[in-house]
PDB file of N, CA and C in Angstrom:
ATOM      1  N   ILE A   1      58.268  12.916 -61.578  1.00  0.00           N
ATOM      2  CA  ILE A   1      58.331  14.007 -62.547  1.00  0.00           C
ATOM      3  C   ILE A   1      59.667  13.981 -63.278  1.00  0.00           C
ATOM      4  N   VAL A   2      60.739  13.708 -62.549  1.00  0.00           N
ATOM      5  CA  VAL A   2      62.067  13.689 -63.171  1.00  0.00           C
ATOM      6  C   VAL A   2      62.159  12.581 -64.226  1.00  0.00           C
ATOM      7  N   GLU A   3      61.629  11.409 -63.921  1.00  0.00           N
ATOM      8  CA  GLU A   3      61.658  10.306 -64.893  1.00  0.00           C
ATOM      9  C   GLU A   3      60.842  10.648 -66.141  1.00  0.00           C
ATOM     10  N   ALA A   4      59.671  11.224 -65.948  1.00  0.00           N
ATOM     11  CA  ALA A   4      58.838  11.622 -67.092  1.00  0.00           C
ATOM     12  C   ALA A   4      59.529  12.717 -67.895  1.00  0.00           C
ATOM     13  N   ALA A   5      60.208  13.618 -67.210  1.00  0.00           N
ATOM     14  CA  ALA A   5      60.926  14.694 -67.903  1.00  0.00           C
ATOM     15  C   ALA A   5      61.989  14.111 -68.832  1.00  0.00           C
ATOM     16  N   LYS A   6      62.686  13.098 -68.373  1.00  0.00           N
ATOM     17  CA  LYS A   6      63.679  12.436 -69.230  1.00  0.00           C
ATOM     18  C   LYS A   6      62.993  11.793 -70.439  1.00  0.00           C
ATOM     19  N   LYS A   7      61.896  11.109 -70.174  1.00  0.00           N
ATOM     20  CA  LYS A   7      61.167  10.414 -71.238  1.00  0.00           C
ATOM     21  C   LYS A   7      60.657  11.379 -72.304  1.00  0.00           C
ATOM     22  N   TYR A   8      60.149  12.533 -71.871  1.00  0.00           N
ATOM     23  CA  TYR A   8      59.550  13.491 -72.804  1.00  0.00           C
ATOM     24  C   TYR A   8      60.491  14.642 -73.161  1.00  0.00           C
ATOM     25  N   ASP A   9      61.753  14.501 -72.797  1.00  0.00           N
ATOM     26  CA  ASP A   9      62.798  15.461 -73.167  1.00  0.00           C
ATOM     27  C   ASP A   9      62.557  16.864 -72.597  1.00  0.00           C
ATOM     28  N   PHE A  10      62.248  16.920 -71.308  1.00  0.00           N
ATOM     29  CA  PHE A  10      62.106  18.183 -70.586  1.00  0.00           C
ATOM     30  C   PHE A  10      63.273  18.349 -69.629  1.00  0.00           C
ATOM     31  N   LYS A  11      63.673  19.571 -69.398  1.00  0.00           N
ATOM     32  CA  LYS A  11      64.620  19.885 -68.332  1.00  0.00           C
ATOM     33  C   LYS A  11      63.786  20.338 -67.138  1.00  0.00           C
ATOM     34  N   VAL A  12      64.188  19.969 -65.928  1.00  0.00           N
ATOM     35  CA  VAL A  12      63.445  20.321 -64.718  1.00  0.00           C
ATOM     36  C   VAL A  12      64.248  21.332 -63.914  1.00  0.00           C
ATOM     37  N   PHE A  13      63.583  22.403 -63.523  1.00  0.00           N
ATOM     38  CA  PHE A  13      64.190  23.437 -62.688  1.00  0.00           C
ATOM     39  C   PHE A  13      63.258  23.703 -61.515  1.00  0.00           C
ATOM     40  N   VAL A  14      63.812  23.793 -60.328  1.00  0.00           N
ATOM     41  CA  VAL A  14      63.050  24.193 -59.149  1.00  0.00           C
ATOM     42  C   VAL A  14      63.595  25.550 -58.748  1.00  0.00           C
ATOM     43  N   VAL A  15      62.754  26.575 -58.857  1.00  0.00           N
ATOM     44  CA  VAL A  15      63.206  27.948 -58.608  1.00  0.00           C
ATOM     45  C   VAL A  15      62.284  28.629 -57.600  1.00  0.00           C
ATOM     46  N   PRO A  16      62.808  29.622 -56.882  1.00  0.00           N
ATOM     47  CA  PRO A  16      62.013  30.282 -55.842  1.00  0.00           C
ATOM     48  C   PRO A  16      61.045  31.348 -56.347  1.00  0.00           C
ATOM     49  N   GLY A  17      61.067  31.661 -57.628  1.00  0.00           N
ATOM     50  CA  GLY A  17      60.140  32.687 -58.115  1.00  0.00           C
ATOM     51  C   GLY A  17      60.244  32.880 -59.610  1.00  0.00           C
ATOM     52  N   GLY A  18      59.307  33.664 -60.138  1.00  0.00           N
ATOM     53  CA  GLY A  18      59.191  33.870 -61.573  1.00  0.00           C
ATOM     54  C   GLY A  18      60.366  34.557 -62.230  1.00  0.00           C
ATOM     55  N   SER A  19      61.116  35.365 -61.487  1.00  0.00           N
ATOM     56  CA  SER A  19      62.239  36.076 -62.101  1.00  0.00           C
ATOM     57  C   SER A  19      63.295  35.103 -62.633  1.00  0.00           C
ATOM     58  N   PHE A  20      63.389  33.942 -62.038  1.00  0.00           N
ATOM     59  CA  PHE A  20      64.354  32.944 -62.498  1.00  0.00           C
ATOM     60  C   PHE A  20      63.942  32.346 -63.839  1.00  0.00           C
ATOM     61  N   VAL A  21      62.656  32.352 -64.123  1.00  0.00           N
ATOM     62  CA  VAL A  21      62.162  31.768 -65.372  1.00  0.00           C
ATOM     63  C   VAL A  21      62.762  32.492 -66.570  1.00  0.00           C
ATOM     64  N   ARG A  22      62.811  33.804 -66.518  1.00  0.00           N
ATOM     65  CA  ARG A  22      63.396  34.574 -67.628  1.00  0.00           C
ATOM     66  C   ARG A  22      64.860  34.195 -67.843  1.00  0.00           C
ATOM     67  N   LYS A  23      65.594  34.016 -66.765  1.00  0.00           N
ATOM     68  CA  LYS A  23      67.008  33.627 -66.874  1.00  0.00           C
ATOM     69  C   LYS A  23      67.137  32.251 -67.525  1.00  0.00           C
ATOM     70  N   ILE A  24      66.287  31.326 -67.116  1.00  0.00           N
ATOM     71  CA  ILE A  24      66.322  29.975 -67.681  1.00  0.00           C
ATOM     72  C   ILE A  24      66.011  30.015 -69.175  1.00  0.00           C
ATOM     73  N   LEU A  25      64.996  30.790 -69.558  1.00  0.00           N
ATOM     74  CA  LEU A  25      64.644  30.902 -70.977  1.00  0.00           C
ATOM     75  C   LEU A  25      65.784  31.488 -71.789  1.00  0.00           C
ATOM     76  N   LYS A  26      66.466  32.455 -71.220  1.00  0.00           N
ATOM     77  CA  LYS A  26      67.575  33.103 -71.922  1.00  0.00           C
ATOM     78  C   LYS A  26      68.738  32.127 -72.128  1.00  0.00           C
ATOM     79  N   VAL A  27      69.034  31.329 -71.115  1.00  0.00           N
ATOM     80  CA  VAL A  27      70.169  30.409 -71.187  1.00  0.00           C
ATOM     81  C   VAL A  27      69.857  29.175 -72.039  1.00  0.00           C
ATOM     82  N   TYR A  28      68.694  28.560 -71.822  1.00  0.00           N
ATOM     83  CA  TYR A  28      68.398  27.270 -72.452  1.00  0.00           C
ATOM     84  C   TYR A  28      67.604  27.362 -73.748  1.00  0.00           C
ATOM     85  N   LYS A  29      66.926  28.469 -73.996  1.00  0.00           N
ATOM     86  CA  LYS A  29      66.164  28.684 -75.226  1.00  0.00           C
ATOM     87  C   LYS A  29      65.279  27.479 -75.595  1.00  0.00           C
ATOM     88  N   PRO A  30      64.349  27.113 -74.710  1.00  0.00           N
ATOM     89  CA  PRO A  30      63.500  25.945 -74.987  1.00  0.00           C
ATOM     90  C   PRO A  30      62.484  26.232 -76.090  1.00  0.00           C
ATOM     91  N   GLY A  31      61.955  25.173 -76.671  1.00  0.00           N
ATOM     92  CA  GLY A  31      60.917  25.315 -77.685  1.00  0.00           C
ATOM     93  C   GLY A  31      59.542  25.507 -77.078  1.00  0.00           C
ATOM     94  N   SER A  32      59.394  25.106 -75.819  1.00  0.00           N
ATOM     95  CA  SER A  32      58.146  25.288 -75.086  1.00  0.00           C
ATOM     96  C   SER A  32      58.464  25.239 -73.598  1.00  0.00           C
ATOM     97  N   CYS A  33      57.448  25.527 -72.782  1.00  0.00           N
ATOM     98  CA  CYS A  33      57.672  25.591 -71.341  1.00  0.00           C
ATOM     99  C   CYS A  33      56.444  25.057 -70.610  1.00  0.00           C
ATOM    100  N   LEU A  34      56.679  24.318 -69.540  1.00  0.00           N
ATOM    101  CA  LEU A  34      55.615  23.836 -68.667  1.00  0.00           C
ATOM    102  C   LEU A  34      55.938  24.312 -67.262  1.00  0.00           C
ATOM    103  N   GLY A  35      55.075  25.146 -66.712  1.00  0.00           N
ATOM    104  CA  GLY A  35      55.297  25.680 -65.376  1.00  0.00           C
ATOM    105  C   GLY A  35      54.398  25.025 -64.351  1.00  0.00           C
ATOM    106  N   VAL A  36      54.929  24.848 -63.150  1.00  0.00           N
ATOM    107  CA  VAL A  36      54.159  24.343 -62.016  1.00  0.00           C
ATOM    108  C   VAL A  36      54.396  25.321 -60.884  1.00  0.00           C
ATOM    109  N   ALA A  37      53.326  25.966 -60.429  1.00  0.00           N
ATOM    110  CA  ALA A  37      53.488  27.004 -59.408  1.00  0.00           C
ATOM    111  C   ALA A  37      52.141  27.325 -58.773  1.00  0.00           C
ATOM    112  N   CYS A  38      52.188  28.199 -57.770  1.00  0.00           N
ATOM    113  CA  CYS A  38      50.938  28.692 -57.196  1.00  0.00           C
ATOM    114  C   CYS A  38      50.222  29.514 -58.264  1.00  0.00           C
ATOM    115  N   ARG A  39      48.943  29.702 -58.095  1.00  0.00           N
ATOM    116  CA  ARG A  39      48.123  30.363 -59.113  1.00  0.00           C
ATOM    117  C   ARG A  39      48.676  31.735 -59.509  1.00  0.00           C
ATOM    118  N   THR A  40      49.053  32.550 -58.534  1.00  0.00           N
ATOM    119  CA  THR A  40      49.536  33.903 -58.828  1.00  0.00           C
ATOM    120  C   THR A  40      50.827  33.870 -59.633  1.00  0.00           C
ATOM    121  N   GLU A  41      51.819  33.124 -59.155  1.00  0.00           N
ATOM    122  CA  GLU A  41      53.106  33.030 -59.865  1.00  0.00           C
ATOM    123  C   GLU A  41      52.917  32.428 -61.253  1.00  0.00           C
ATOM    124  N   LEU A  42      52.079  31.416 -61.348  1.00  0.00           N
ATOM    125  CA  LEU A  42      51.866  30.744 -62.626  1.00  0.00           C
ATOM    126  C   LEU A  42      51.230  31.688 -63.641  1.00  0.00           C
ATOM    127  N   THR A  43      50.228  32.427 -63.207  1.00  0.00           N
ATOM    128  CA  THR A  43      49.554  33.368 -64.105  1.00  0.00           C
ATOM    129  C   THR A  43      50.522  34.425 -64.614  1.00  0.00           C
ATOM    130  N   GLU A  44      51.274  35.024 -63.701  1.00  0.00           N
ATOM    131  CA  GLU A  44      52.227  36.072 -64.092  1.00  0.00           C
ATOM    132  C   GLU A  44      53.312  35.515 -65.007  1.00  0.00           C
ATOM    133  N   SER A  45      53.874  34.386 -64.633  1.00  0.00           N
ATOM    134  CA  SER A  45      54.963  33.805 -65.426  1.00  0.00           C
ATOM    135  C   SER A  45      54.489  33.361 -66.801  1.00  0.00           C
ATOM    136  N   MET A  46      53.311  32.740 -66.861  1.00  0.00           N
ATOM    137  CA  MET A  46      52.811  32.262 -68.150  1.00  0.00           C
ATOM    138  C   MET A  46      52.551  33.415 -69.112  1.00  0.00           C
ATOM    139  N   GLN A  47      52.094  34.547 -68.597  1.00  0.00           N
ATOM    140  CA  GLN A  47      51.874  35.704 -69.464  1.00  0.00           C
ATOM    141  C   GLN A  47      53.189  36.183 -70.069  1.00  0.00           C
ATOM    142  N   GLU A  48      54.245  36.170 -69.289  1.00  0.00           N
ATOM    143  CA  GLU A  48      55.561  36.580 -69.790  1.00  0.00           C
ATOM    144  C   GLU A  48      56.136  35.546 -70.753  1.00  0.00           C
ATOM    145  N   VAL A  49      56.093  34.286 -70.351  1.00  0.00           N
ATOM    146  CA  VAL A  49      56.684  33.218 -71.158  1.00  0.00           C
ATOM    147  C   VAL A  49      55.963  33.078 -72.499  1.00  0.00           C
ATOM    148  N   ALA A  50      54.649  33.271 -72.510  1.00  0.00           N
ATOM    149  CA  ALA A  50      53.864  33.123 -73.744  1.00  0.00           C
ATOM    150  C   ALA A  50      54.301  34.098 -74.829  1.00  0.00           C
ATOM    151  N   LYS A  51      54.975  35.175 -74.457  1.00  0.00           N
ATOM    152  CA  LYS A  51      55.501  36.126 -75.439  1.00  0.00           C
ATOM    153  C   LYS A  51      56.707  35.545 -76.174  1.00  0.00           C
ATOM    154  N   ILE A  52      57.299  34.496 -75.586  1.00  0.00           N
ATOM    155  CA  ILE A  52      58.545  33.934 -76.108  1.00  0.00           C
ATOM    156  C   ILE A  52      58.343  32.549 -76.719  1.00  0.00           C
ATOM    157  N   VAL A  53      57.682  31.662 -75.979  1.00  0.00           N
ATOM    158  CA  VAL A  53      57.471  30.277 -76.424  1.00  0.00           C
ATOM    159  C   VAL A  53      56.080  29.806 -75.996  1.00  0.00           C
ATOM    160  N   PRO A  54      55.580  28.736 -76.630  1.00  0.00           N
ATOM    161  CA  PRO A  54      54.322  28.153 -76.161  1.00  0.00           C
ATOM    162  C   PRO A  54      54.480  27.680 -74.712  1.00  0.00           C
ATOM    163  N   VAL A  55      53.431  27.856 -73.917  1.00  0.00           N
ATOM    164  CA  VAL A  55      53.527  27.526 -72.495  1.00  0.00           C
ATOM    165  C   VAL A  55      52.259  26.845 -72.002  1.00  0.00           C
ATOM    166  N   GLN A  56      52.437  25.912 -71.100  1.00  0.00           N
ATOM    167  CA  GLN A  56      51.352  25.247 -70.383  1.00  0.00           C
ATOM    168  C   GLN A  56      51.654  25.388 -68.897  1.00  0.00           C
ATOM    169  N   GLY A  57      50.630  25.248 -68.072  1.00  0.00           N
ATOM    170  CA  GLY A  57      50.846  25.372 -66.641  1.00  0.00           C
ATOM    171  C   GLY A  57      49.987  24.426 -65.835  1.00  0.00           C
ATOM    172  N   VAL A  58      50.481  24.104 -64.646  1.00  0.00           N
ATOM    173  CA  VAL A  58      49.746  23.298 -63.676  1.00  0.00           C
ATOM    174  C   VAL A  58      49.834  24.019 -62.340  1.00  0.00           C
ATOM    175  N   CYS A  59      48.676  24.338 -61.780  1.00  0.00           N
ATOM    176  CA  CYS A  59      48.654  24.999 -60.467  1.00  0.00           C
ATOM    177  C   CYS A  59      48.963  23.988 -59.368  1.00  0.00           C
ATOM    178  N   LEU A  60      49.662  24.454 -58.345  1.00  0.00           N
ATOM    179  CA  LEU A  60      49.873  23.628 -57.166  1.00  0.00           C
ATOM    180  C   LEU A  60      48.518  23.301 -56.550  1.00  0.00           C
ATOM    181  N   LEU A  61      48.444  22.182 -55.855  1.00  0.00           N
ATOM    182  CA  LEU A  61      47.186  21.779 -55.235  1.00  0.00           C
ATOM    183  C   LEU A  61      46.798  22.699 -54.083  1.00  0.00           C
ATOM    184  N   ARG A  62      47.802  23.329 -53.477  1.00  0.00           N
ATOM    185  CA  ARG A  62      47.545  24.280 -52.402  1.00  0.00           C
ATOM    186  C   ARG A  62      48.463  25.468 -52.598  1.00  0.00           C
ATOM    187  N   ASP A  63      47.895  26.667 -52.623  1.00  0.00           N
ATOM    188  CA  ASP A  63      48.715  27.865 -52.787  1.00  0.00           C
ATOM    189  C   ASP A  63      49.639  28.050 -51.593  1.00  0.00           C
ATOM    190  N   GLY A  64      50.724  28.736 -51.846  1.00  0.00           N
ATOM    191  CA  GLY A  64      51.699  28.996 -50.799  1.00  0.00           C
ATOM    192  C   GLY A  64      53.067  28.547 -51.248  1.00  0.00           C
ATOM    193  N   CYS A  65      54.047  28.947 -50.500  1.00  0.00           N
ATOM    194  CA  CYS A  65      55.431  28.631 -50.871  1.00  0.00           C
ATOM    195  C   CYS A  65      55.992  27.427 -50.124  1.00  0.00           C
ATOM    196  N   TYR A  66      55.311  26.984 -49.090  1.00  0.00           N
ATOM    197  CA  TYR A  66      55.829  25.892 -48.274  1.00  0.00           C
ATOM    198  C   TYR A  66      54.785  24.794 -48.145  1.00  0.00           C
ATOM    199  N   ASP A  67      55.280  23.564 -48.008  1.00  0.00           N
ATOM    200  CA  ASP A  67      54.416  22.408 -47.798  1.00  0.00           C
ATOM    201  C   ASP A  67      53.311  22.333 -48.855  1.00  0.00           C
ATOM    202  N   THR A  68      53.702  22.495 -50.097  1.00  0.00           N
ATOM    203  CA  THR A  68      52.736  22.437 -51.196  1.00  0.00           C
ATOM    204  C   THR A  68      52.925  21.132 -51.953  1.00  0.00           C
ATOM    205  N   ARG A  69      51.974  20.834 -52.789  1.00  0.00           N
ATOM    206  CA  ARG A  69      52.042  19.614 -53.598  1.00  0.00           C
ATOM    207  C   ARG A  69      51.532  19.919 -55.005  1.00  0.00           C
ATOM    208  N   ALA A  70      52.040  19.148 -55.935  1.00  0.00           N
ATOM    209  CA  ALA A  70      51.568  19.255 -57.317  1.00  0.00           C
ATOM    210  C   ALA A  70      50.844  17.967 -57.681  1.00  0.00           C
ATOM    211  N   ASP A  71      49.918  18.064 -58.604  1.00  0.00           N
ATOM    212  CA  ASP A  71      49.246  16.889 -59.146  1.00  0.00           C
ATOM    213  C   ASP A  71      50.205  16.274 -60.166  1.00  0.00           C
ATOM    214  N   VAL A  72      50.964  15.302 -59.725  1.00  0.00           N
ATOM    215  CA  VAL A  72      52.016  14.706 -60.554  1.00  0.00           C
ATOM    216  C   VAL A  72      51.438  14.130 -61.846  1.00  0.00           C
ATOM    217  N   ASP A  73      50.302  13.480 -61.762  1.00  0.00           N
ATOM    218  CA  ASP A  73      49.686  12.913 -62.970  1.00  0.00           C
ATOM    219  C   ASP A  73      49.361  14.005 -63.987  1.00  0.00           C
ATOM    220  N   GLU A  74      48.891  15.150 -63.503  1.00  0.00           N
ATOM    221  CA  GLU A  74      48.570  16.266 -64.405  1.00  0.00           C
ATOM    222  C   GLU A  74      49.841  16.836 -65.040  1.00  0.00           C
ATOM    223  N   VAL A  75      50.902  16.942 -64.258  1.00  0.00           N
ATOM    224  CA  VAL A  75      52.175  17.436 -64.794  1.00  0.00           C
ATOM    225  C   VAL A  75      52.664  16.501 -65.902  1.00  0.00           C
ATOM    226  N   ILE A  76      52.623  15.218 -65.651  1.00  0.00           N
ATOM    227  CA  ILE A  76      53.082  14.244 -66.644  1.00  0.00           C
ATOM    228  C   ILE A  76      52.173  14.259 -67.876  1.00  0.00           C
ATOM    229  N   ARG A  77      50.864  14.393 -67.680  1.00  0.00           N
ATOM    230  CA  ARG A  77      49.929  14.473 -68.807  1.00  0.00           C
ATOM    231  C   ARG A  77      50.258  15.669 -69.698  1.00  0.00           C
ATOM    232  N   LYS A  78      50.587  16.802 -69.069  1.00  0.00           N
ATOM    233  CA  LYS A  78      50.919  18.004 -69.851  1.00  0.00           C
ATOM    234  C   LYS A  78      52.259  17.829 -70.563  1.00  0.00           C
ATOM    235  N   MET A  79      53.224  17.167 -69.922  1.00  0.00           N
ATOM    236  CA  MET A  79      54.496  16.894 -70.596  1.00  0.00           C
ATOM    237  C   MET A  79      54.252  16.078 -71.857  1.00  0.00           C
ATOM    238  N   LYS A  80      53.465  15.021 -71.707  1.00  0.00           N
ATOM    239  CA  LYS A  80      53.167  14.147 -72.841  1.00  0.00           C
ATOM    240  C   LYS A  80      52.466  14.929 -73.949  1.00  0.00           C
ATOM    241  N   MET A  81      51.497  15.760 -73.571  1.00  0.00           N
ATOM    242  CA  MET A  81      50.759  16.561 -74.541  1.00  0.00           C
ATOM    243  C   MET A  81      51.703  17.503 -75.294  1.00  0.00           C
ATOM    244  N   CYS A  82      52.606  18.161 -74.570  1.00  0.00           N
ATOM    245  CA  CYS A  82      53.559  19.079 -75.208  1.00  0.00           C
ATOM    246  C   CYS A  82      54.491  18.327 -76.150  1.00  0.00           C
ATOM    247  N   LYS A  83      54.961  17.172 -75.726  1.00  0.00           N
ATOM    248  CA  LYS A  83      55.861  16.370 -76.559  1.00  0.00           C
ATOM    249  C   LYS A  83      55.156  15.934 -77.839  1.00  0.00           C
ATOM    250  N   GLU A  84      53.906  15.489 -77.717  1.00  0.00           N
ATOM    251  CA  GLU A  84      53.154  15.071 -78.903  1.00  0.00           C
ATOM    252  C   GLU A  84      52.928  16.244 -79.850  1.00  0.00           C
ATOM    253  N   ALA A  85      52.665  17.423 -79.308  1.00  0.00           N
ATOM    254  CA  ALA A  85      52.476  18.618 -80.143  1.00  0.00           C
ATOM    255  C   ALA A  85      53.776  18.973 -80.861  1.00  0.00           C
ATOM    256  N   ASP A  86      54.912  18.874 -80.153  1.00  0.00           N
ATOM    257  CA  ASP A  86      56.211  19.144 -80.775  1.00  0.00           C
ATOM    258  C   ASP A  86      56.494  18.148 -81.892  1.00  0.00           C
ATOM    259  N   ASP A  87      56.145  16.884 -81.667  1.00  0.00           N
ATOM    260  CA  ASP A  87      56.392  15.846 -82.669  1.00  0.00           C
ATOM    261  C   ASP A  87      55.542  16.048 -83.920  1.00  0.00           C
ATOM    262  N   ASP A  88      54.385  16.688 -83.762  1.00  0.00           N
ATOM    263  CA  ASP A  88      53.492  16.927 -84.899  1.00  0.00           C
ATOM    264  C   ASP A  88      53.959  18.075 -85.785  1.00  0.00           C
ATOM    265  N   VAL A  89      54.883  18.898 -85.282  1.00  0.00           N
ATOM    266  CA  VAL A  89      55.334  20.079 -86.042  1.00  0.00           C
ATOM    267  C   VAL A  89      56.377  19.702 -87.045  1.00  0.00           C
TER     268      VAL A  89
END
């Protein structure tokens, strides 16, 4: 994910909850956002973030805060999609 983030010009943050997302948006002012989280956190965060910037999300493969996994291919696919959309603007 980190290598793809460099390729598609994304910054990567690992945070313990949605409240940190607002702080990151305030400091970095991104043009778009891609979140990876459990379904509940992702839904809540995406609703907030969508008020500020375009947002995409990928749910973790298993809900919970520990011993979870993400579909890395899906995360990278969404990064590429967001980058292509930005390039078209």
